[in-house]
PDB file of N, CA and C in Angstrom:
ATOM      1  N   MET A   1     102.445 102.175 109.437  1.00  0.00           N
ATOM      2  CA  MET A   1     101.800 101.259 108.509  1.00  0.00           C
ATOM      3  C   MET A   1     102.273  99.839 108.822  1.00  0.00           C
ATOM      4  N   PRO A   2     101.342  98.906 109.005  1.00  0.00           N
ATOM      5  CA  PRO A   2     101.737  97.518 109.254  1.00  0.00           C
ATOM      6  C   PRO A   2     102.450  96.925 108.033  1.00  0.00           C
ATOM      7  N   ILE A   3     103.320  95.961 108.298  1.00  0.00           N
ATOM      8  CA  ILE A   3     104.069  95.323 107.225  1.00  0.00           C
ATOM      9  C   ILE A   3     103.120  94.417 106.441  1.00  0.00           C
ATOM     10  N   ASN A   4     103.005  94.658 105.148  1.00  0.00           N
ATOM     11  CA  ASN A   4     102.196  93.830 104.257  1.00  0.00           C
ATOM     12  C   ASN A   4     103.130  93.312 103.171  1.00  0.00           C
ATOM     13  N   LYS A   5     103.461  92.019 103.267  1.00  0.00           N
ATOM     14  CA  LYS A   5     104.454  91.444 102.366  1.00  0.00           C
ATOM     15  C   LYS A   5     104.070  91.624 100.898  1.00  0.00           C
ATOM     16  N   ALA A   6     102.809  91.394 100.555  1.00  0.00           N
ATOM     17  CA  ALA A   6     102.380  91.517  99.158  1.00  0.00           C
ATOM     18  C   ALA A   6     102.592  92.937  98.644  1.00  0.00           C
ATOM     19  N   ASN A   7     102.267  93.935  99.461  1.00  0.00           N
ATOM     20  CA  ASN A   7     102.442  95.329  99.046  1.00  0.00           C
ATOM     21  C   ASN A   7     103.917  95.674  98.886  1.00  0.00           C
ATOM     22  N   ILE A   8     104.731  95.147  99.779  1.00  0.00           N
ATOM     23  CA  ILE A   8     106.161  95.429  99.691  1.00  0.00           C
ATOM     24  C   ILE A   8     106.750  94.760  98.446  1.00  0.00           C
ATOM     25  N   LEU A   9     106.350  93.536  98.161  1.00  0.00           N
ATOM     26  CA  LEU A   9     106.852  92.860  96.967  1.00  0.00           C
ATOM     27  C   LEU A   9     106.448  93.607  95.694  1.00  0.00           C
ATOM     28  N   LYS A  10     105.209  94.109  95.644  1.00  0.00           N
ATOM     29  CA  LYS A  10     104.776  94.904  94.494  1.00  0.00           C
ATOM     30  C   LYS A  10     105.559  96.212  94.425  1.00  0.00           C
ATOM     31  N   GLY A  11     105.834  96.802  95.588  1.00  0.00           N
ATOM     32  CA  GLY A  11     106.638  98.016  95.637  1.00  0.00           C
ATOM     33  C   GLY A  11     108.049  97.775  95.145  1.00  0.00           C
ATOM     34  N   ARG A  12     108.612  96.632  95.522  1.00  0.00           N
ATOM     35  CA  ARG A  12     109.959  96.289  95.049  1.00  0.00           C
ATOM     36  C   ARG A  12     109.977  96.140  93.530  1.00  0.00           C
ATOM     37  N   GLU A  13     108.919  95.581  92.971  1.00  0.00           N
ATOM     38  CA  GLU A  13     108.824  95.473  91.508  1.00  0.00           C
ATOM     39  C   GLU A  13     108.794  96.851  90.869  1.00  0.00           C
ATOM     40  N   ALA A  14     108.033  97.769  91.466  1.00  0.00           N
ATOM     41  CA  ALA A  14     107.945  99.138  90.938  1.00  0.00           C
ATOM     42  C   ALA A  14     109.305  99.830  90.980  1.00  0.00           C
ATOM     43  N   VAL A  15     110.029  99.649  92.073  1.00  0.00           N
ATOM     44  CA  VAL A  15     111.353 100.262  92.204  1.00  0.00           C
ATOM     45  C   VAL A  15     112.310  99.649  91.182  1.00  0.00           C
ATOM     46  N   GLU A  16     112.247  98.341  90.997  1.00  0.00           N
ATOM     47  CA  GLU A  16     113.135  97.686  90.030  1.00  0.00           C
ATOM     48  C   GLU A  16     112.809  98.133  88.603  1.00  0.00           C
ATOM     49  N   THR A  17     111.530  98.281  88.287  1.00  0.00           N
ATOM     50  CA  THR A  17     111.127  98.777  86.969  1.00  0.00           C
ATOM     51  C   THR A  17     111.678 100.182  86.747  1.00  0.00           C
ATOM     52  N   TYR A  18     111.584 101.038  87.777  1.00  0.00           N
ATOM     53  CA  TYR A  18     112.130 102.388  87.702  1.00  0.00           C
ATOM     54  C   TYR A  18     113.641 102.339  87.482  1.00  0.00           C
ATOM     55  N   ARG A  19     114.329 101.501  88.252  1.00  0.00           N
ATOM     56  CA  ARG A  19     115.791 101.425  88.136  1.00  0.00           C
ATOM     57  C   ARG A  19     116.212 100.986  86.733  1.00  0.00           C
ATOM     58  N   THR A  20     115.500 100.023  86.187  1.00  0.00           N
ATOM     59  CA  THR A  20     115.808  99.544  84.841  1.00  0.00           C
ATOM     60  C   THR A  20     115.603 100.660  83.817  1.00  0.00           C
ATOM     61  N   ALA A  21     114.459 101.344  83.896  1.00  0.00           N
ATOM     62  CA  ALA A  21     114.174 102.443  82.970  1.00  0.00           C
ATOM     63  C   ALA A  21     115.178 103.585  83.142  1.00  0.00           C
ATOM     64  N   HIS A  22     115.545 103.862  84.380  1.00  0.00           N
ATOM     65  CA  HIS A  22     116.511 104.923  84.673  1.00  0.00           C
ATOM     66  C   HIS A  22     117.865 104.583  84.043  1.00  0.00           C
ATOM     67  N   THR A  23     118.286 103.338  84.194  1.00  0.00           N
ATOM     68  CA  THR A  23     119.553 102.895  83.606  1.00  0.00           C
ATOM     69  C   THR A  23     119.509 103.023  82.086  1.00  0.00           C
ATOM     70  N   GLN A  24     118.393 102.624  81.480  1.00  0.00           N
ATOM     71  CA  GLN A  24     118.254 102.733  80.026  1.00  0.00           C
ATOM     72  C   GLN A  24     118.272 104.189  79.580  1.00  0.00           C
ATOM     73  N   LEU A  25     117.656 105.058  80.354  1.00  0.00           N
ATOM     74  CA  LEU A  25     117.620 106.483  80.020  1.00  0.00           C
ATOM     75  C   LEU A  25     119.030 107.067  79.955  1.00  0.00           C
ATOM     76  N   TYR A  26     119.877 106.663  80.874  1.00  0.00           N
ATOM     77  CA  TYR A  26     121.230 107.194  80.932  1.00  0.00           C
ATOM     78  C   TYR A  26     122.238 106.384  80.126  1.00  0.00           C
ATOM     79  N   ALA A  27     121.810 105.270  79.530  1.00  0.00           N
ATOM     80  CA  ALA A  27     122.728 104.392  78.792  1.00  0.00           C
ATOM     81  C   ALA A  27     123.406 105.111  77.627  1.00  0.00           C
ATOM     82  N   GLY A  28     122.712 106.013  77.001  1.00  0.00           N
ATOM     83  CA  GLY A  28     123.280 106.732  75.865  1.00  0.00           C
ATOM     84  C   GLY A  28     124.052 107.975  76.265  1.00  0.00           C
ATOM     85  N   GLY A  29     124.214 108.194  77.557  1.00  0.00           N
ATOM     86  CA  GLY A  29     124.905 109.390  78.032  1.00  0.00           C
ATOM     87  C   GLY A  29     123.916 110.505  78.317  1.00  0.00           C
ATOM     88  N   TRP A  30     124.365 111.473  79.058  1.00  0.00           N
ATOM     89  CA  TRP A  30     123.496 112.584  79.424  1.00  0.00           C
ATOM     90  C   TRP A  30     123.192 113.428  78.201  1.00  0.00           C
ATOM     91  N   HIS A  31     121.934 113.866  78.096  1.00  0.00           N
ATOM     92  CA  HIS A  31     121.555 114.811  77.055  1.00  0.00           C
ATOM     93  C   HIS A  31     120.549 115.800  77.633  1.00  0.00           C
ATOM     94  N   LYS A  32     120.305 116.856  76.917  1.00  0.00           N
ATOM     95  CA  LYS A  32     119.504 117.973  77.419  1.00  0.00           C
ATOM     96  C   LYS A  32     118.106 117.569  77.889  1.00  0.00           C
ATOM     97  N   GLY A  33     117.486 116.588  77.259  1.00  0.00           N
ATOM     98  CA  GLY A  33     116.109 116.229  77.599  1.00  0.00           C
ATOM     99  C   GLY A  33     115.954 115.262  78.755  1.00  0.00           C
ATOM    100  N   ILE A  34     117.046 114.825  79.357  1.00  0.00           N
ATOM    101  CA  ILE A  34     116.951 113.815  80.420  1.00  0.00           C
ATOM    102  C   ILE A  34     116.046 114.248  81.579  1.00  0.00           C
ATOM    103  N   PRO A  35     116.138 115.469  82.104  1.00  0.00           N
ATOM    104  CA  PRO A  35     115.241 115.808  83.212  1.00  0.00           C
ATOM    105  C   PRO A  35     113.757 115.630  82.860  1.00  0.00           C
ATOM    106  N   GLU A  36     113.378 116.026  81.672  1.00  0.00           N
ATOM    107  CA  GLU A  36     111.976 115.892  81.252  1.00  0.00           C
ATOM    108  C   GLU A  36     111.605 114.427  81.035  1.00  0.00           C
ATOM    109  N   GLU A  37     112.556 113.612  80.601  1.00  0.00           N
ATOM    110  CA  GLU A  37     112.300 112.189  80.389  1.00  0.00           C
ATOM    111  C   GLU A  37     112.315 111.422  81.706  1.00  0.00           C
ATOM    112  N   HIS A  38     113.064 111.911  82.667  1.00  0.00           N
ATOM    113  CA  HIS A  38     113.189 111.233  83.956  1.00  0.00           C
ATOM    114  C   HIS A  38     111.943 111.418  84.815  1.00  0.00           C
ATOM    115  N   THR A  39     111.348 112.586  84.796  1.00  0.00           N
ATOM    116  CA  THR A  39     110.215 112.891  85.655  1.00  0.00           C
ATOM    117  C   THR A  39     109.062 111.901  85.506  1.00  0.00           C
ATOM    118  N   PRO A  40     108.649 111.519  84.303  1.00  0.00           N
ATOM    119  CA  PRO A  40     107.556 110.544  84.198  1.00  0.00           C
ATOM    120  C   PRO A  40     107.919 109.181  84.802  1.00  0.00           C
ATOM    121  N   LEU A  41     109.180 108.796  84.712  1.00  0.00           N
ATOM    122  CA  LEU A  41     109.609 107.531  85.318  1.00  0.00           C
ATOM    123  C   LEU A  41     109.436 107.587  86.831  1.00  0.00           C
ATOM    124  N   LEU A  42     109.863 108.691  87.415  1.00  0.00           N
ATOM    125  CA  LEU A  42     109.753 108.875  88.858  1.00  0.00           C
ATOM    126  C   LEU A  42     108.284 108.918  89.281  1.00  0.00           C
ATOM    127  N   LYS A  43     107.479 109.662  88.544  1.00  0.00           N
ATOM    128  CA  LYS A  43     106.053 109.772  88.884  1.00  0.00           C
ATOM    129  C   LYS A  43     105.354 108.419  88.795  1.00  0.00           C
ATOM    130  N   GLN A  44     105.705 107.603  87.809  1.00  0.00           N
ATOM    131  CA  GLN A  44     105.089 106.286  87.678  1.00  0.00           C
ATOM    132  C   GLN A  44     105.454 105.401  88.863  1.00  0.00           C
ATOM    133  N   MET A  45     106.712 105.428  89.268  1.00  0.00           N
ATOM    134  CA  MET A  45     107.130 104.625  90.419  1.00  0.00           C
ATOM    135  C   MET A  45     106.387 105.083  91.673  1.00  0.00           C
ATOM    136  N   LEU A  46     106.290 106.383  91.878  1.00  0.00           N
ATOM    137  CA  LEU A  46     105.593 106.901  93.048  1.00  0.00           C
ATOM    138  C   LEU A  46     104.121 106.517  93.029  1.00  0.00           C
ATOM    139  N   LYS A  47     103.515 106.565  91.853  1.00  0.00           N
ATOM    140  CA  LYS A  47     102.113 106.165  91.720  1.00  0.00           C
ATOM    141  C   LYS A  47     101.937 104.704  92.133  1.00  0.00           C
ATOM    142  N   GLU A  48     102.828 103.839  91.671  1.00  0.00           N
ATOM    143  CA  GLU A  48     102.759 102.423  92.019  1.00  0.00           C
ATOM    144  C   GLU A  48     102.946 102.217  93.522  1.00  0.00           C
ATOM    145  N   LEU A  49     103.872 102.951  94.122  1.00  0.00           N
ATOM    146  CA  LEU A  49     104.090 102.828  95.564  1.00  0.00           C
ATOM    147  C   LEU A  49     102.885 103.345  96.347  1.00  0.00           C
ATOM    148  N   GLU A  50     102.266 104.406  95.850  1.00  0.00           N
ATOM    149  CA  GLU A  50     101.061 104.926  96.506  1.00  0.00           C
ATOM    150  C   GLU A  50      99.933 103.897  96.456  1.00  0.00           C
ATOM    151  N   LEU A  51      99.818 103.177  95.361  1.00  0.00           N
ATOM    152  CA  LEU A  51      98.799 102.126  95.250  1.00  0.00           C
ATOM    153  C   LEU A  51      99.021 101.026  96.286  1.00  0.00           C
ATOM    154  N   GLN A  52     100.260 100.885  96.733  1.00  0.00           N
ATOM    155  CA  GLN A  52     100.588  99.872  97.736  1.00  0.00           C
ATOM    156  C   GLN A  52     100.490 100.425  99.163  1.00  0.00           C
ATOM    157  N   GLY A  53     100.058 101.676  99.287  1.00  0.00           N
ATOM    158  CA  GLY A  53      99.822 102.253 100.608  1.00  0.00           C
ATOM    159  C   GLY A  53     100.920 103.148 101.144  1.00  0.00           C
ATOM    160  N   PHE A  54     101.942 103.409 100.356  1.00  0.00           N
ATOM    161  CA  PHE A  54     103.031 104.294 100.783  1.00  0.00           C
ATOM    162  C   PHE A  54     102.718 105.683 100.246  1.00  0.00           C
ATOM    163  N   THR A  55     102.327 106.583 101.125  1.00  0.00           N
ATOM    164  CA  THR A  55     101.809 107.876 100.677  1.00  0.00           C
ATOM    165  C   THR A  55     102.549 109.048 101.311  1.00  0.00           C
ATOM    166  N   SER A  56     102.229 110.218 100.790  1.00  0.00           N
ATOM    167  CA  SER A  56     102.782 111.470 101.289  1.00  0.00           C
ATOM    168  C   SER A  56     101.775 112.568 100.996  1.00  0.00           C
ATOM    169  N   GLY A  57     101.696 113.520 101.903  1.00  0.00           N
ATOM    170  CA  GLY A  57     100.831 114.666 101.686  1.00  0.00           C
ATOM    171  C   GLY A  57     101.557 115.827 101.017  1.00  0.00           C
ATOM    172  N   ALA A  58     102.829 115.617 100.714  1.00  0.00           N
ATOM    173  CA  ALA A  58     103.645 116.684 100.126  1.00  0.00           C
ATOM    174  C   ALA A  58     103.160 117.028  98.723  1.00  0.00           C
ATOM    175  N   THR A  59     103.374 118.266  98.330  1.00  0.00           N
ATOM    176  CA  THR A  59     102.980 118.688  96.987  1.00  0.00           C
ATOM    177  C   THR A  59     104.165 118.760  96.037  1.00  0.00           C
ATOM    178  N   SER A  60     105.349 119.044  96.566  1.00  0.00           N
ATOM    179  CA  SER A  60     106.512 119.093  95.676  1.00  0.00           C
ATOM    180  C   SER A  60     106.954 117.658  95.376  1.00  0.00           C
ATOM    181  N   LEU A  61     107.335 117.430  94.154  1.00  0.00           N
ATOM    182  CA  LEU A  61     107.731 116.093  93.716  1.00  0.00           C
ATOM    183  C   LEU A  61     108.924 115.585  94.515  1.00  0.00           C
ATOM    184  N   GLU A  62     109.894 116.448  94.768  1.00  0.00           N
ATOM    185  CA  GLU A  62     111.094 116.043  95.499  1.00  0.00           C
ATOM    186  C   GLU A  62     110.751 115.579  96.920  1.00  0.00           C
ATOM    187  N   THR A  63     109.935 116.353  97.635  1.00  0.00           N
ATOM    188  CA  THR A  63     109.551 115.994  99.000  1.00  0.00           C
ATOM    189  C   THR A  63     108.674 114.747  99.005  1.00  0.00           C
ATOM    190  N   LYS A  64     107.752 114.691  98.069  1.00  0.00           N
ATOM    191  CA  LYS A  64     106.871 113.533  97.964  1.00  0.00           C
ATOM    192  C   LYS A  64     107.685 112.262  97.718  1.00  0.00           C
ATOM    193  N   ALA A  65     108.622 112.329  96.798  1.00  0.00           N
ATOM    194  CA  ALA A  65     109.465 111.171  96.494  1.00  0.00           C
ATOM    195  C   ALA A  65     110.260 110.761  97.725  1.00  0.00           C
ATOM    196  N   SER A  66     110.823 111.722  98.423  1.00  0.00           N
ATOM    197  CA  SER A  66     111.627 111.434  99.610  1.00  0.00           C
ATOM    198  C   SER A  66     110.784 110.742 100.681  1.00  0.00           C
ATOM    199  N   GLU A  67     109.588 111.249 100.928  1.00  0.00           N
ATOM    200  CA  GLU A  67     108.725 110.678 101.966  1.00  0.00           C
ATOM    201  C   GLU A  67     108.224 109.285 101.585  1.00  0.00           C
ATOM    202  N   ILE A  68     107.762 109.132 100.353  1.00  0.00           N
ATOM    203  CA  ILE A  68     107.233 107.837  99.918  1.00  0.00           C
ATOM    204  C   ILE A  68     108.337 106.790  99.887  1.00  0.00           C
ATOM    205  N   LEU A  69     109.476 107.131  99.307  1.00  0.00           N
ATOM    206  CA  LEU A  69     110.575 106.174  99.239  1.00  0.00           C
ATOM    207  C   LEU A  69     111.105 105.839 100.631  1.00  0.00           C
ATOM    208  N   GLY A  70     111.174 106.825 101.502  1.00  0.00           N
ATOM    209  CA  GLY A  70     111.614 106.572 102.870  1.00  0.00           C
ATOM    210  C   GLY A  70     110.699 105.588 103.574  1.00  0.00           C
ATOM    211  N   SER A  71     109.407 105.812 103.459  1.00  0.00           N
ATOM    212  CA  SER A  71     108.423 104.911 104.065  1.00  0.00           C
ATOM    213  C   SER A  71     108.512 103.513 103.473  1.00  0.00           C
ATOM    214  N   PHE A  72     108.623 103.438 102.157  1.00  0.00           N
ATOM    215  CA  PHE A  72     108.714 102.138 101.505  1.00  0.00           C
ATOM    216  C   PHE A  72     109.977 101.390 101.920  1.00  0.00           C
ATOM    217  N   PHE A  73     111.123 102.044 101.875  1.00  0.00           N
ATOM    218  CA  PHE A  73     112.377 101.359 102.196  1.00  0.00           C
ATOM    219  C   PHE A  73     112.442 100.942 103.660  1.00  0.00           C
ATOM    220  N   ARG A  74     111.848 101.727 104.565  1.00  0.00           N
ATOM    221  CA  ARG A  74     111.787 101.316 105.974  1.00  0.00           C
ATOM    222  C   ARG A  74     110.946 100.049 106.120  1.00  0.00           C
ATOM    223  N   ALA A  75     109.795 100.018 105.462  1.00  0.00           N
ATOM    224  CA  ALA A  75     108.930  98.837 105.527  1.00  0.00           C
ATOM    225  C   ALA A  75     109.597  97.623 104.883  1.00  0.00           C
ATOM    226  N   SER A  76     110.286  97.848 103.786  1.00  0.00           N
ATOM    227  CA  SER A  76     110.984  96.766 103.098  1.00  0.00           C
ATOM    228  C   SER A  76     112.083  96.185 103.987  1.00  0.00           C
ATOM    229  N   GLU A  77     112.822  97.051 104.656  1.00  0.00           N
ATOM    230  CA  GLU A  77     113.879  96.596 105.565  1.00  0.00           C
ATOM    231  C   GLU A  77     113.278  95.842 106.750  1.00  0.00           C
ATOM    232  N   GLU A  78     112.171  96.332 107.268  1.00  0.00           N
ATOM    233  CA  GLU A  78     111.495  95.648 108.376  1.00  0.00           C
ATOM    234  C   GLU A  78     111.061  94.246 107.954  1.00  0.00           C
ATOM    235  N   LEU A  79     110.557  94.104 106.748  1.00  0.00           N
ATOM    236  CA  LEU A  79     110.193  92.782 106.237  1.00  0.00           C
ATOM    237  C   LEU A  79     111.429  91.896 106.153  1.00  0.00           C
ATOM    238  N   ASN A  80     112.536  92.435 105.666  1.00  0.00           N
ATOM    239  CA  ASN A  80     113.786  91.668 105.611  1.00  0.00           C
ATOM    240  C   ASN A  80     114.177  91.165 106.995  1.00  0.00           C
ATOM    241  N   ILE A  81     114.070  92.032 107.992  1.00  0.00           N
ATOM    242  CA  ILE A  81     114.433  91.672 109.367  1.00  0.00           C
ATOM    243  C   ILE A  81     113.501  90.590 109.896  1.00  0.00           C
ATOM    244  N   GLN A  82     112.203  90.753 109.667  1.00  0.00           N
ATOM    245  CA  GLN A  82     111.235  89.749 110.129  1.00  0.00           C
ATOM    246  C   GLN A  82     111.495  88.395 109.482  1.00  0.00           C
ATOM    247  N   GLU A  83     111.764  88.408 108.185  1.00  0.00           N
ATOM    248  CA  GLU A  83     112.018  87.150 107.486  1.00  0.00           C
ATOM    249  C   GLU A  83     113.322  86.512 107.958  1.00  0.00           C
ATOM    250  N   ALA A  84     114.342  87.320 108.208  1.00  0.00           N
ATOM    251  CA  ALA A  84     115.621  86.786 108.700  1.00  0.00           C
ATOM    252  C   ALA A  84     115.436  86.185 110.094  1.00  0.00           C
ATOM    253  N   ALA A  85     114.678  86.867 110.950  1.00  0.00           N
ATOM    254  CA  ALA A  85     114.433  86.362 112.295  1.00  0.00           C
ATOM    255  C   ALA A  85     113.658  85.046 112.237  1.00  0.00           C
ATOM    256  N   GLY A  86     112.685  84.975 111.345  1.00  0.00           N
ATOM    257  CA  GLY A  86     111.913  83.740 111.183  1.00  0.00           C
ATOM    258  C   GLY A  86     112.790  82.600 110.703  1.00  0.00           C
ATOM    259  N   GLY A  87     113.694  82.887 109.802  1.00  0.00           N
ATOM    260  CA  GLY A  87     114.620  81.873 109.304  1.00  0.00           C
ATOM    261  C   GLY A  87     115.564  81.398 110.393  1.00  0.00           C
ATOM    262  N   ALA A  88     116.024  82.327 111.230  1.00  0.00           N
ATOM    263  CA  ALA A  88     116.927  81.969 112.329  1.00  0.00           C
ATOM    264  C   ALA A  88     116.202  81.080 113.339  1.00  0.00           C
ATOM    265  N   GLU A  89     114.945  81.411 113.627  1.00  0.00           N
ATOM    266  CA  GLU A  89     114.160  80.586 114.553  1.00  0.00           C
ATOM    267  C   GLU A  89     113.960  79.187 113.987  1.00  0.00           C
ATOM    268  N   LEU A  90     113.704  79.081 112.712  1.00  0.00           N
ATOM    269  CA  LEU A  90     113.529  77.799 112.068  1.00  0.00           C
ATOM    270  C   LEU A  90     114.803  76.966 112.164  1.00  0.00           C
ATOM    271  N   LEU A  91     115.940  77.595 111.914  1.00  0.00           N
ATOM    272  CA  LEU A  91     117.217  76.886 112.009  1.00  0.00           C
ATOM    273  C   LEU A  91     117.508  76.436 113.434  1.00  0.00           C
ATOM    274  N   GLU A  92     117.203  77.287 114.409  1.00  0.00           N
ATOM    275  CA  GLU A  92     117.410  76.905 115.805  1.00  0.00           C
ATOM    276  C   GLU A  92     116.596  75.678 116.149  1.00  0.00           C
ATOM    277  N   GLY A  93     115.352  75.641 115.693  1.00  0.00           N
ATOM    278  CA  GLY A  93     114.490  74.494 115.940  1.00  0.00           C
ATOM    279  C   GLY A  93     115.043  73.219 115.282  1.00  0.00           C
ATOM    280  N   MET A  94     115.650  73.359 114.145  1.00  0.00           N
ATOM    281  CA  MET A  94     116.220  72.210 113.447  1.00  0.00           C
ATOM    282  C   MET A  94     117.459  71.695 114.163  1.00  0.00           C
ATOM    283  N   TRP A  95     118.206  72.579 114.825  1.00  0.00           N
ATOM    284  CA  TRP A  95     119.445  72.173 115.482  1.00  0.00           C
ATOM    285  C   TRP A  95     119.209  71.521 116.829  1.00  0.00           C
ATOM    286  N   ARG A  96     118.029  71.683 117.385  1.00  0.00           N
ATOM    287  CA  ARG A  96     117.739  71.121 118.710  1.00  0.00           C
ATOM    288  C   ARG A  96     117.432  69.665 118.602  1.00  0.00           C
TER     289      ARG A  96
END
């Protein structure tokens, strides 16, 4: 999948929303209903990432999450590398 900055930024928002909700879910300590409460949070994040083009053909939630998140994080890291390289080139040009 080609790097699409807008899709990655939207994906990062989805992951951050999930992380915030996940933290709030566990803020009161573990309780019996956490697995059932956690699953919708995970599914919503995956849905948002799928809308940004990060997909999986897997049927199990665990495998699907692993594949989608792996694809997203690889693309996100690639964007970080591209942006860092662009910044380094800009600085080199300024120093000449």
